[in-house]
Amino acid sequence: MELSIKSSSKSKIRAVIRFLFAEKVPTTQIHRCLVAVYGDNVISIQAIRKWCREFKAGRESI
């Protein structure tokens, strides 16, 4: 069964990105996971790359 969530806050999406980044999941796979759960209107892959750079640079907050 496929899980689909219709809406989510930006901070929840960023928390997922932060978690998957910490697990060393590639950005393209992070995007695929988010699309699978939240649908096509989720954050862009470019924005995911930006957040991963921020977390790599030491950013703690989401």
N, C-alpha and C. Protein backbone atom coordinates (compact mmCIF):
# COMPACT_ATOMS: atom_id res chain seq x y z
N MET A 1 0.84 -1.17 0.00
CA MET A 1 0.00 0.00 0.00
C MET A 1 0.89 1.24 0.00
N GLU A 2 0.58 2.18 -0.86
CA GLU A 2 1.35 3.41 -0.96
C GLU A 2 0.78 4.45 -0.01
N LEU A 3 1.66 5.07 0.75
CA LEU A 3 1.27 6.12 1.69
C LEU A 3 1.39 7.46 0.99
N SER A 4 0.39 8.29 1.11
CA SER A 4 0.43 9.63 0.53
C SER A 4 -0.08 10.63 1.55
N ILE A 5 0.70 11.67 1.76
CA ILE A 5 0.32 12.74 2.68
C ILE A 5 0.07 13.97 1.84
N LYS A 6 -1.10 14.56 1.97
CA LYS A 6 -1.50 15.66 1.10
C LYS A 6 -0.79 16.97 1.42
N SER A 7 -0.53 17.27 2.68
CA SER A 7 0.12 18.53 3.00
C SER A 7 1.06 18.34 4.18
N SER A 8 2.05 19.19 4.23
CA SER A 8 3.00 19.15 5.33
C SER A 8 3.65 20.52 5.47
N SER A 9 4.09 20.83 6.66
CA SER A 9 4.75 22.10 6.89
C SER A 9 6.19 22.05 6.39
N LYS A 10 6.75 23.21 6.13
CA LYS A 10 8.13 23.29 5.66
C LYS A 10 9.09 22.67 6.67
N SER A 11 8.83 22.91 7.94
CA SER A 11 9.74 22.38 8.95
C SER A 11 9.72 20.85 9.01
N LYS A 12 8.57 20.25 8.75
CA LYS A 12 8.51 18.78 8.72
C LYS A 12 9.31 18.23 7.55
N ILE A 13 9.20 18.86 6.40
CA ILE A 13 9.96 18.45 5.22
C ILE A 13 11.45 18.59 5.49
N ARG A 14 11.85 19.72 6.08
CA ARG A 14 13.26 19.95 6.39
C ARG A 14 13.78 18.93 7.41
N ALA A 15 12.93 18.54 8.34
CA ALA A 15 13.34 17.53 9.32
C ALA A 15 13.61 16.20 8.63
N VAL A 16 12.78 15.85 7.66
CA VAL A 16 12.98 14.61 6.90
C VAL A 16 14.29 14.71 6.11
N ILE A 17 14.51 15.87 5.47
CA ILE A 17 15.74 16.07 4.71
C ILE A 17 16.95 15.94 5.63
N ARG A 18 16.89 16.57 6.79
CA ARG A 18 18.00 16.52 7.74
C ARG A 18 18.28 15.07 8.17
N PHE A 19 17.24 14.34 8.48
CA PHE A 19 17.40 12.94 8.89
C PHE A 19 18.03 12.11 7.78
N LEU A 20 17.47 12.20 6.57
CA LEU A 20 17.99 11.40 5.47
C LEU A 20 19.41 11.81 5.10
N PHE A 21 19.71 13.11 5.19
CA PHE A 21 21.07 13.58 4.95
C PHE A 21 22.03 12.97 5.97
N ALA A 22 21.63 12.94 7.23
CA ALA A 22 22.46 12.35 8.29
C ALA A 22 22.68 10.86 8.04
N GLU A 23 21.71 10.21 7.40
CA GLU A 23 21.83 8.80 7.05
C GLU A 23 22.62 8.58 5.76
N LYS A 24 23.14 9.68 5.20
CA LYS A 24 23.95 9.67 3.97
C LYS A 24 23.18 9.20 2.74
N VAL A 25 21.91 9.53 2.70
CA VAL A 25 21.07 9.24 1.53
C VAL A 25 21.35 10.32 0.48
N PRO A 26 21.60 9.95 -0.77
CA PRO A 26 21.86 10.94 -1.82
C PRO A 26 20.65 11.87 -2.04
N THR A 27 20.94 13.09 -2.47
CA THR A 27 19.87 14.09 -2.64
C THR A 27 18.80 13.63 -3.63
N THR A 28 19.20 12.94 -4.68
CA THR A 28 18.20 12.48 -5.65
C THR A 28 17.25 11.47 -5.01
N GLN A 29 17.79 10.61 -4.15
CA GLN A 29 16.96 9.63 -3.46
C GLN A 29 16.07 10.32 -2.42
N ILE A 30 16.60 11.35 -1.75
CA ILE A 30 15.78 12.11 -0.80
C ILE A 30 14.57 12.69 -1.53
N HIS A 31 14.82 13.26 -2.70
CA HIS A 31 13.73 13.85 -3.49
C HIS A 31 12.71 12.78 -3.89
N ARG A 32 13.18 11.63 -4.34
CA ARG A 32 12.27 10.53 -4.71
C ARG A 32 11.41 10.10 -3.53
N CYS A 33 12.02 10.00 -2.37
CA CYS A 33 11.27 9.62 -1.16
C CYS A 33 10.19 10.65 -0.84
N LEU A 34 10.55 11.93 -0.91
CA LEU A 34 9.59 12.98 -0.60
C LEU A 34 8.45 13.00 -1.61
N VAL A 35 8.76 12.82 -2.88
CA VAL A 35 7.72 12.77 -3.91
C VAL A 35 6.80 11.58 -3.68
N ALA A 36 7.37 10.45 -3.30
CA ALA A 36 6.57 9.25 -3.06
C ALA A 36 5.58 9.45 -1.92
N VAL A 37 5.99 10.20 -0.91
CA VAL A 37 5.13 10.39 0.26
C VAL A 37 4.23 11.61 0.13
N TYR A 38 4.81 12.73 -0.33
CA TYR A 38 4.08 14.00 -0.33
C TYR A 38 3.50 14.40 -1.69
N GLY A 39 3.87 13.71 -2.75
CA GLY A 39 3.34 14.03 -4.07
C GLY A 39 4.26 14.94 -4.86
N ASP A 40 3.83 15.27 -6.06
CA ASP A 40 4.65 16.04 -6.99
C ASP A 40 4.89 17.49 -6.59
N ASN A 41 4.08 18.03 -5.72
CA ASN A 41 4.21 19.44 -5.34
C ASN A 41 5.14 19.65 -4.15
N VAL A 42 6.04 18.73 -3.93
CA VAL A 42 6.99 18.82 -2.82
C VAL A 42 8.17 19.71 -3.23
N ILE A 43 9.03 20.01 -2.30
CA ILE A 43 10.21 20.84 -2.51
C ILE A 43 11.04 20.32 -3.70
N SER A 44 11.68 21.25 -4.42
CA SER A 44 12.46 20.88 -5.59
C SER A 44 13.79 20.23 -5.18
N ILE A 45 14.38 19.51 -6.12
CA ILE A 45 15.67 18.87 -5.84
C ILE A 45 16.75 19.93 -5.60
N GLN A 46 16.65 21.08 -6.27
CA GLN A 46 17.61 22.16 -6.04
C GLN A 46 17.53 22.66 -4.60
N ALA A 47 16.32 22.79 -4.09
CA ALA A 47 16.14 23.24 -2.71
C ALA A 47 16.66 22.18 -1.73
N ILE A 48 16.48 20.92 -2.06
CA ILE A 48 17.01 19.84 -1.22
C ILE A 48 18.53 19.92 -1.17
N ARG A 49 19.14 20.16 -2.32
CA ARG A 49 20.61 20.30 -2.36
C ARG A 49 21.06 21.48 -1.50
N LYS A 50 20.30 22.59 -1.54
CA LYS A 50 20.63 23.76 -0.73
C LYS A 50 20.58 23.41 0.75
N TRP A 51 19.52 22.72 1.17
CA TRP A 51 19.40 22.35 2.58
C TRP A 51 20.48 21.37 2.99
N CYS A 52 20.85 20.45 2.13
CA CYS A 52 21.93 19.52 2.45
C CYS A 52 23.26 20.26 2.62
N ARG A 53 23.51 21.26 1.78
CA ARG A 53 24.71 22.08 1.94
C ARG A 53 24.69 22.81 3.28
N GLU A 54 23.51 23.35 3.63
CA GLU A 54 23.37 24.04 4.91
C GLU A 54 23.66 23.10 6.08
N PHE A 55 23.11 21.91 6.06
CA PHE A 55 23.32 20.95 7.13
C PHE A 55 24.78 20.49 7.17
N LYS A 56 25.40 20.32 6.00
CA LYS A 56 26.80 19.93 5.94
C LYS A 56 27.70 21.02 6.53
N ALA A 57 27.30 22.26 6.35
CA ALA A 57 28.06 23.40 6.88
C ALA A 57 27.88 23.57 8.39
N GLY A 58 27.00 22.77 8.97
CA GLY A 58 26.83 22.82 10.42
C GLY A 58 25.51 23.36 10.92
N ARG A 59 24.62 23.71 10.02
CA ARG A 59 23.33 24.21 10.46
C ARG A 59 22.59 23.15 11.27
N GLU A 60 22.04 23.56 12.39
CA GLU A 60 21.32 22.65 13.29
C GLU A 60 19.81 22.81 13.19
N SER A 61 19.36 24.03 13.00
CA SER A 61 17.90 24.29 13.00
C SER A 61 17.29 23.94 11.65
N ILE A 62 16.01 23.61 11.72
CA ILE A 62 15.29 23.30 10.49
C ILE A 62 14.34 24.44 10.17
